[in-house]
């Protein structure tokens, strides 16, 4: 299907022209699939985040951080509204990473082997890269929500764009690289 769309676009734009070269470089099956599954992963992540945050609100959960730091600590003032959004973000991250690993492996980078030596190496690399991006995401959420007092979903969307770009680079260059 992507090939048919590329053919149509090349009828409109000359393949050797600037726009044609951009289409040839960036409108590939891999990139379009990554964007599609990146959006799907973001939807999974946002949906789980929203549902878990709502569940935490319904049961009165203030967040793990508020439950482990002494109440008289100065840092608790930063989280006076609760830190449950960070807990919800972590749970959403786990759901998103599992979804992303399977879809990236099978559909984006077309790594079909499930041999333990191959899949294990891919999963380890994938998880390592995603843990790094989780740290970036959590710090971004903390800065935007707690320090800048932005709405959680606005912060989540902004951070999500940065994380998607980082994860593509890690997956393409380090994890699912073609031999």
Foldseek 3Di string as FASTA:
>chain_A
DLVVVLVVVCVVPPCPDPVNVVCVVQSDQQNVLLVVLLVVLLVQLVVQLVVQLVVCVVVVNQDPVLVPDDPVDPVVVLSVVGDVSLVSNVVSLVRSLVSCLVSCCCRNLNPPDPPCVQSVQLSVLSVVQSVVLSVVLSVQQSCCCRVVVDDNVVSSVVSSVVSSVSSVCSCDPPRSDDD
